[in-house]
Amino acid sequence: MAADIYGVRNTSEQPASAPQLPERLSQHLRPGIRQTQRLITDLLLLCLTWLSCGSDKGGGTTGPVDEAEPARVGLLVPISGPWVKGPVWRQAAQMAIDEINAQGGVLDRSFELLVADTETVP
């Protein structure tokens, strides 16, 4: 008898008392290389996430923020090069910052735009 309804093999090599799994089920229980790699990757990401959380016992000190000094916002845009769209983006960012500053800033702090040219180099 090769297999019954459930796909169970009856082999003479196994004793009758040994548990037998259906063939279809045994294929799903064997971990493959991809599943093992995925498990290792997930565990590494979990460890990195846990390690990056840090703690409250940091030794760094932060002084009071000088509210008179504006907060700087950096913008990397292609101002020169073959595909130049940076001037439009720079104008849009400057308009947004001017509008925020005209309304009093955020928490009574103004913003300053710093623009750097990427020269269309990624």
N, C-alpha and C. Protein backbone atom coordinates (compact mmCIF):
# COMPACT_ATOMS: atom_id res chain seq x y z
N MET A 1 0.85 -1.16 0.00
CA MET A 1 0.00 0.00 0.00
C MET A 1 0.90 1.23 0.00
N ALA A 2 0.90 2.02 -1.07
CA ALA A 2 1.79 3.17 -1.21
C ALA A 2 1.35 4.33 -0.34
N ALA A 3 0.12 4.69 -0.38
CA ALA A 3 -0.37 5.81 0.43
C ALA A 3 -1.87 5.65 0.63
N ASP A 4 -2.36 6.13 1.74
CA ASP A 4 -3.80 6.09 1.95
C ASP A 4 -4.39 7.46 1.61
N ILE A 5 -5.56 7.75 2.08
CA ILE A 5 -6.26 8.99 1.72
C ILE A 5 -5.48 10.23 2.15
N TYR A 6 -4.81 10.18 3.30
CA TYR A 6 -4.13 11.35 3.84
C TYR A 6 -2.70 11.50 3.36
N GLY A 7 -2.23 10.66 2.49
CA GLY A 7 -0.88 10.75 1.97
C GLY A 7 0.16 10.18 2.91
N VAL A 8 -0.21 9.31 3.83
CA VAL A 8 0.73 8.72 4.77
C VAL A 8 1.42 7.55 4.09
N ARG A 9 2.74 7.58 4.11
CA ARG A 9 3.50 6.47 3.53
C ARG A 9 3.64 5.36 4.56
N ASN A 10 3.47 4.17 4.12
CA ASN A 10 3.68 3.03 4.98
C ASN A 10 4.97 2.36 4.54
N THR A 11 6.05 2.65 5.24
CA THR A 11 7.33 2.06 4.87
C THR A 11 7.69 0.98 5.86
N SER A 12 8.35 -0.02 5.38
CA SER A 12 8.73 -1.13 6.26
C SER A 12 9.97 -0.78 7.08
N GLU A 13 10.66 0.34 6.75
CA GLU A 13 11.86 0.73 7.49
C GLU A 13 11.52 1.27 8.87
N GLN A 14 10.37 1.91 9.02
CA GLN A 14 9.99 2.47 10.30
C GLN A 14 9.20 1.44 11.10
N PRO A 15 9.43 1.41 12.40
CA PRO A 15 8.61 0.51 13.21
C PRO A 15 7.16 0.98 13.22
N ALA A 16 6.27 0.11 13.50
CA ALA A 16 4.85 0.43 13.48
C ALA A 16 4.49 1.47 14.54
N SER A 17 5.28 1.55 15.63
CA SER A 17 4.96 2.49 16.70
C SER A 17 5.46 3.91 16.40
N ALA A 18 6.31 4.10 15.39
CA ALA A 18 6.84 5.42 15.07
C ALA A 18 5.73 6.28 14.48
N PRO A 19 5.61 7.54 14.92
CA PRO A 19 4.57 8.41 14.36
C PRO A 19 4.90 8.76 12.92
N GLN A 20 3.89 8.76 12.11
CA GLN A 20 4.08 9.08 10.70
C GLN A 20 3.27 10.33 10.37
N LEU A 21 3.90 11.23 9.67
CA LEU A 21 3.23 12.45 9.24
C LEU A 21 2.80 12.31 7.80
N PRO A 22 1.72 12.94 7.44
CA PRO A 22 1.37 12.94 6.02
C PRO A 22 2.49 13.59 5.22
N GLU A 23 2.69 13.13 4.01
CA GLU A 23 3.79 13.62 3.17
C GLU A 23 3.69 15.12 2.92
N ARG A 24 2.47 15.60 2.67
CA ARG A 24 2.30 17.04 2.43
C ARG A 24 2.66 17.86 3.66
N LEU A 25 2.31 17.37 4.84
CA LEU A 25 2.61 18.08 6.07
C LEU A 25 4.10 18.07 6.37
N SER A 26 4.76 16.96 6.11
CA SER A 26 6.20 16.88 6.40
C SER A 26 6.99 17.83 5.52
N GLN A 27 6.52 18.11 4.31
CA GLN A 27 7.22 19.06 3.44
C GLN A 27 7.14 20.48 4.01
N HIS A 28 6.03 20.80 4.65
CA HIS A 28 5.87 22.14 5.21
C HIS A 28 6.60 22.30 6.53
N LEU A 29 6.90 21.21 7.20
CA LEU A 29 7.58 21.30 8.48
C LEU A 29 9.09 21.44 8.33
N ARG A 30 9.63 21.07 7.18
CA ARG A 30 11.07 21.19 6.97
C ARG A 30 11.41 22.65 6.70
N PRO A 31 12.26 23.26 7.54
CA PRO A 31 12.62 24.65 7.27
C PRO A 31 13.56 24.72 6.07
N GLY A 32 13.28 25.65 5.21
CA GLY A 32 14.14 25.84 4.05
C GLY A 32 15.19 26.90 4.32
N ILE A 33 16.03 27.08 3.35
CA ILE A 33 17.10 28.06 3.48
C ILE A 33 16.52 29.46 3.60
N ARG A 34 15.50 29.76 2.81
CA ARG A 34 14.93 31.11 2.86
C ARG A 34 14.29 31.41 4.21
N GLN A 35 13.60 30.42 4.78
CA GLN A 35 12.98 30.64 6.08
C GLN A 35 14.04 30.87 7.15
N THR A 36 15.13 30.12 7.08
CA THR A 36 16.20 30.28 8.06
C THR A 36 16.86 31.64 7.91
N GLN A 37 17.13 32.05 6.67
CA GLN A 37 17.72 33.37 6.44
C GLN A 37 16.78 34.47 6.91
N ARG A 38 15.50 34.31 6.67
CA ARG A 38 14.52 35.31 7.09
C ARG A 38 14.49 35.41 8.61
N LEU A 39 14.53 34.27 9.29
CA LEU A 39 14.53 34.26 10.74
C LEU A 39 15.76 34.96 11.30
N ILE A 40 16.92 34.67 10.72
CA ILE A 40 18.17 35.30 11.18
C ILE A 40 18.12 36.81 10.93
N THR A 41 17.64 37.21 9.76
CA THR A 41 17.53 38.63 9.44
C THR A 41 16.58 39.34 10.41
N ASP A 42 15.44 38.72 10.67
CA ASP A 42 14.48 39.33 11.59
C ASP A 42 15.06 39.46 12.99
N LEU A 43 15.78 38.44 13.44
CA LEU A 43 16.39 38.51 14.77
C LEU A 43 17.46 39.60 14.84
N LEU A 44 18.26 39.74 13.78
CA LEU A 44 19.27 40.80 13.75
C LEU A 44 18.63 42.18 13.78
N LEU A 45 17.57 42.36 13.00
CA LEU A 45 16.88 43.65 13.01
C LEU A 45 16.26 43.94 14.37
N LEU A 46 15.73 42.92 15.01
CA LEU A 46 15.17 43.11 16.35
C LEU A 46 16.25 43.51 17.34
N CYS A 47 17.41 42.86 17.26
CA CYS A 47 18.53 43.21 18.15
C CYS A 47 19.03 44.62 17.89
N LEU A 48 19.17 45.00 16.62
CA LEU A 48 19.63 46.35 16.29
C LEU A 48 18.63 47.40 16.77
N THR A 49 17.35 47.11 16.61
CA THR A 49 16.34 48.04 17.09
C THR A 49 16.41 48.20 18.60
N TRP A 50 16.57 47.09 19.29
CA TRP A 50 16.66 47.13 20.74
C TRP A 50 17.90 47.89 21.19
N LEU A 51 19.03 47.67 20.50
CA LEU A 51 20.27 48.35 20.88
C LEU A 51 20.22 49.84 20.58
N SER A 52 19.48 50.22 19.56
CA SER A 52 19.45 51.64 19.19
C SER A 52 18.53 52.45 20.09
N CYS A 53 17.75 51.79 20.92
CA CYS A 53 16.83 52.52 21.80
C CYS A 53 17.58 53.33 22.85
N GLY A 54 18.68 52.83 23.33
CA GLY A 54 19.47 53.57 24.31
C GLY A 54 18.82 53.57 25.68
N SER A 55 19.29 54.46 26.53
CA SER A 55 18.75 54.55 27.89
C SER A 55 18.74 56.00 28.33
N ASP A 56 18.20 56.23 29.51
CA ASP A 56 18.13 57.58 30.06
C ASP A 56 19.41 57.98 30.77
N LYS A 57 20.37 57.10 30.87
CA LYS A 57 21.57 57.35 31.64
C LYS A 57 22.70 57.94 30.79
N GLY A 58 22.37 58.65 29.75
CA GLY A 58 23.40 59.23 28.89
C GLY A 58 24.21 60.27 29.61
N GLY A 59 25.48 60.36 29.25
CA GLY A 59 26.36 61.29 29.92
C GLY A 59 26.41 62.65 29.26
N GLY A 60 25.74 62.81 28.14
CA GLY A 60 25.78 64.08 27.44
C GLY A 60 24.99 65.15 28.16
N THR A 61 25.41 66.36 27.95
CA THR A 61 24.69 67.48 28.55
C THR A 61 24.20 68.39 27.44
N THR A 62 23.03 68.89 27.63
CA THR A 62 22.49 69.86 26.68
C THR A 62 22.21 71.13 27.44
N GLY A 63 22.72 72.18 26.89
CA GLY A 63 22.51 73.47 27.53
C GLY A 63 21.20 74.07 27.09
N PRO A 64 20.86 75.19 27.63
CA PRO A 64 19.64 75.86 27.22
C PRO A 64 19.77 76.37 25.79
N VAL A 65 18.66 76.34 25.09
CA VAL A 65 18.65 76.77 23.69
C VAL A 65 18.55 78.29 23.66
N ASP A 66 19.42 78.89 22.86
CA ASP A 66 19.38 80.34 22.69
C ASP A 66 18.23 80.65 21.74
N GLU A 67 17.15 81.19 22.27
CA GLU A 67 15.97 81.43 21.45
C GLU A 67 16.16 82.60 20.50
N ALA A 68 17.17 83.40 20.70
CA ALA A 68 17.42 84.50 19.78
C ALA A 68 18.04 83.99 18.49
N GLU A 69 18.74 82.89 18.56
CA GLU A 69 19.39 82.32 17.38
C GLU A 69 18.36 81.50 16.59
N PRO A 70 18.26 81.72 15.28
CA PRO A 70 17.26 80.98 14.50
C PRO A 70 17.66 79.50 14.33
N ALA A 71 16.65 78.68 14.21
CA ALA A 71 16.87 77.26 13.93
C ALA A 71 17.22 77.14 12.45
N ARG A 72 18.21 76.34 12.14
CA ARG A 72 18.67 76.21 10.75
C ARG A 72 18.02 74.99 10.10
N VAL A 73 17.55 75.19 8.89
CA VAL A 73 16.95 74.12 8.10
C VAL A 73 17.81 73.94 6.86
N GLY A 74 18.31 72.72 6.66
CA GLY A 74 19.17 72.44 5.51
C GLY A 74 18.37 71.92 4.34
N LEU A 75 18.77 72.31 3.14
CA LEU A 75 18.11 71.88 1.92
C LEU A 75 19.17 71.53 0.89
N LEU A 76 19.17 70.28 0.43
CA LEU A 76 20.08 69.84 -0.63
C LEU A 76 19.29 69.80 -1.93
N VAL A 77 19.66 70.65 -2.87
CA VAL A 77 18.94 70.72 -4.14
C VAL A 77 19.92 70.87 -5.29
N PRO A 78 19.54 70.39 -6.49
CA PRO A 78 20.39 70.58 -7.66
C PRO A 78 20.18 71.98 -8.25
N ILE A 79 21.09 72.89 -7.96
CA ILE A 79 20.99 74.25 -8.48
C ILE A 79 21.75 74.37 -9.80
N SER A 80 22.80 73.58 -9.96
CA SER A 80 23.54 73.58 -11.22
C SER A 80 23.63 72.14 -11.71
N GLY A 81 23.84 71.98 -13.00
CA GLY A 81 23.93 70.65 -13.57
C GLY A 81 22.91 70.47 -14.68
N PRO A 82 22.83 69.26 -15.24
CA PRO A 82 21.97 69.06 -16.40
C PRO A 82 20.46 69.10 -16.10
N TRP A 83 20.03 68.61 -14.96
CA TRP A 83 18.60 68.59 -14.64
C TRP A 83 18.34 69.52 -13.46
N VAL A 84 18.24 70.78 -13.76
CA VAL A 84 18.16 71.80 -12.71
C VAL A 84 16.70 72.06 -12.35
N LYS A 85 16.32 71.70 -11.14
CA LYS A 85 15.01 72.04 -10.60
C LYS A 85 15.15 72.67 -9.23
N GLY A 86 16.37 72.81 -8.78
CA GLY A 86 16.64 73.31 -7.44
C GLY A 86 16.18 74.72 -7.16
N PRO A 87 16.33 75.67 -8.10
CA PRO A 87 15.90 77.03 -7.79
C PRO A 87 14.42 77.12 -7.42
N VAL A 88 13.58 76.34 -8.08
CA VAL A 88 12.15 76.35 -7.76
C VAL A 88 11.93 75.79 -6.36
N TRP A 89 12.62 74.69 -6.05
CA TRP A 89 12.49 74.08 -4.72
C TRP A 89 13.02 75.02 -3.63
N ARG A 90 14.12 75.71 -3.95
CA ARG A 90 14.70 76.65 -2.99
C ARG A 90 13.71 77.79 -2.72
N GLN A 91 13.09 78.31 -3.79
CA GLN A 91 12.12 79.38 -3.61
C GLN A 91 10.92 78.92 -2.79
N ALA A 92 10.45 77.70 -3.05
CA ALA A 92 9.30 77.17 -2.30
C ALA A 92 9.64 77.01 -0.83
N ALA A 93 10.83 76.48 -0.54
CA ALA A 93 11.24 76.31 0.85
C ALA A 93 11.41 77.66 1.54
N GLN A 94 11.98 78.63 0.82
CA GLN A 94 12.17 79.96 1.41
C GLN A 94 10.83 80.64 1.68
N MET A 95 9.87 80.46 0.76
CA MET A 95 8.54 81.03 0.97
C MET A 95 7.88 80.42 2.21
N ALA A 96 8.02 79.10 2.38
CA ALA A 96 7.42 78.45 3.55
C ALA A 96 8.06 78.94 4.84
N ILE A 97 9.38 79.07 4.84
CA ILE A 97 10.07 79.56 6.03
C ILE A 97 9.72 81.01 6.31
N ASP A 98 9.62 81.84 5.27
CA ASP A 98 9.22 83.24 5.47
C ASP A 98 7.81 83.33 6.06
N GLU A 99 6.91 82.47 5.60
CA GLU A 99 5.55 82.48 6.11
C GLU A 99 5.51 82.06 7.58
N ILE A 100 6.28 81.04 7.93
CA ILE A 100 6.34 80.59 9.33
C ILE A 100 6.94 81.68 10.21
N ASN A 101 8.01 82.31 9.73
CA ASN A 101 8.66 83.37 10.52
C ASN A 101 7.74 84.59 10.67
N ALA A 102 6.93 84.89 9.64
CA ALA A 102 6.02 86.04 9.71
C ALA A 102 4.93 85.82 10.76
N GLN A 103 4.61 84.57 11.04
CA GLN A 103 3.59 84.25 12.05
C GLN A 103 4.20 84.07 13.44
N GLY A 104 5.46 84.40 13.60
CA GLY A 104 6.09 84.30 14.91
C GLY A 104 6.94 83.07 15.10
N GLY A 105 7.12 82.28 14.06
CA GLY A 105 7.95 81.09 14.17
C GLY A 105 7.26 79.97 14.91
N VAL A 106 8.04 79.05 15.41
CA VAL A 106 7.53 77.93 16.19
C VAL A 106 8.12 78.05 17.58
N LEU A 107 7.25 78.13 18.57
CA LEU A 107 7.67 78.33 19.96
C LEU A 107 8.56 79.56 20.09
N ASP A 108 8.15 80.62 19.41
CA ASP A 108 8.87 81.91 19.41
C ASP A 108 10.29 81.79 18.89
N ARG A 109 10.50 80.89 17.98
CA ARG A 109 11.83 80.72 17.39
C ARG A 109 11.71 80.78 15.87
N SER A 110 12.55 81.59 15.24
CA SER A 110 12.50 81.74 13.79
C SER A 110 13.38 80.68 13.13
N PHE A 111 13.27 80.60 11.80
CA PHE A 111 14.02 79.61 11.03
C PHE A 111 14.90 80.30 10.01
N GLU A 112 15.97 79.64 9.65
CA GLU A 112 16.90 80.12 8.63
C GLU A 112 17.14 78.98 7.64
N LEU A 113 17.08 79.28 6.35
CA LEU A 113 17.28 78.25 5.32
C LEU A 113 18.73 78.23 4.87
N LEU A 114 19.34 77.06 4.92
CA LEU A 114 20.70 76.85 4.41
C LEU A 114 20.58 75.94 3.19
N VAL A 115 21.06 76.41 2.05
CA VAL A 115 20.93 75.67 0.80
C VAL A 115 22.30 75.19 0.35
N ALA A 116 22.36 73.93 -0.07
CA ALA A 116 23.59 73.37 -0.63
C ALA A 116 23.28 72.80 -2.01
N ASP A 117 24.16 73.06 -2.95
CA ASP A 117 24.01 72.61 -4.33
C ASP A 117 24.57 71.20 -4.48
N THR A 118 23.74 70.27 -4.95
CA THR A 118 24.21 68.90 -5.19
C THR A 118 24.82 68.75 -6.57
N GLU A 119 24.69 69.76 -7.41
CA GLU A 119 25.20 69.75 -8.78
C GLU A 119 24.68 68.57 -9.57
N THR A 120 23.48 68.12 -9.25
CA THR A 120 22.81 66.99 -9.88
C THR A 120 23.65 65.72 -9.80
N VAL A 121 24.41 65.58 -8.74
CA VAL A 121 25.18 64.37 -8.49
C VAL A 121 24.51 63.65 -7.33
N PRO A 122 24.04 62.41 -7.53
CA PRO A 122 23.33 61.72 -6.45
C PRO A 122 24.23 61.43 -5.27
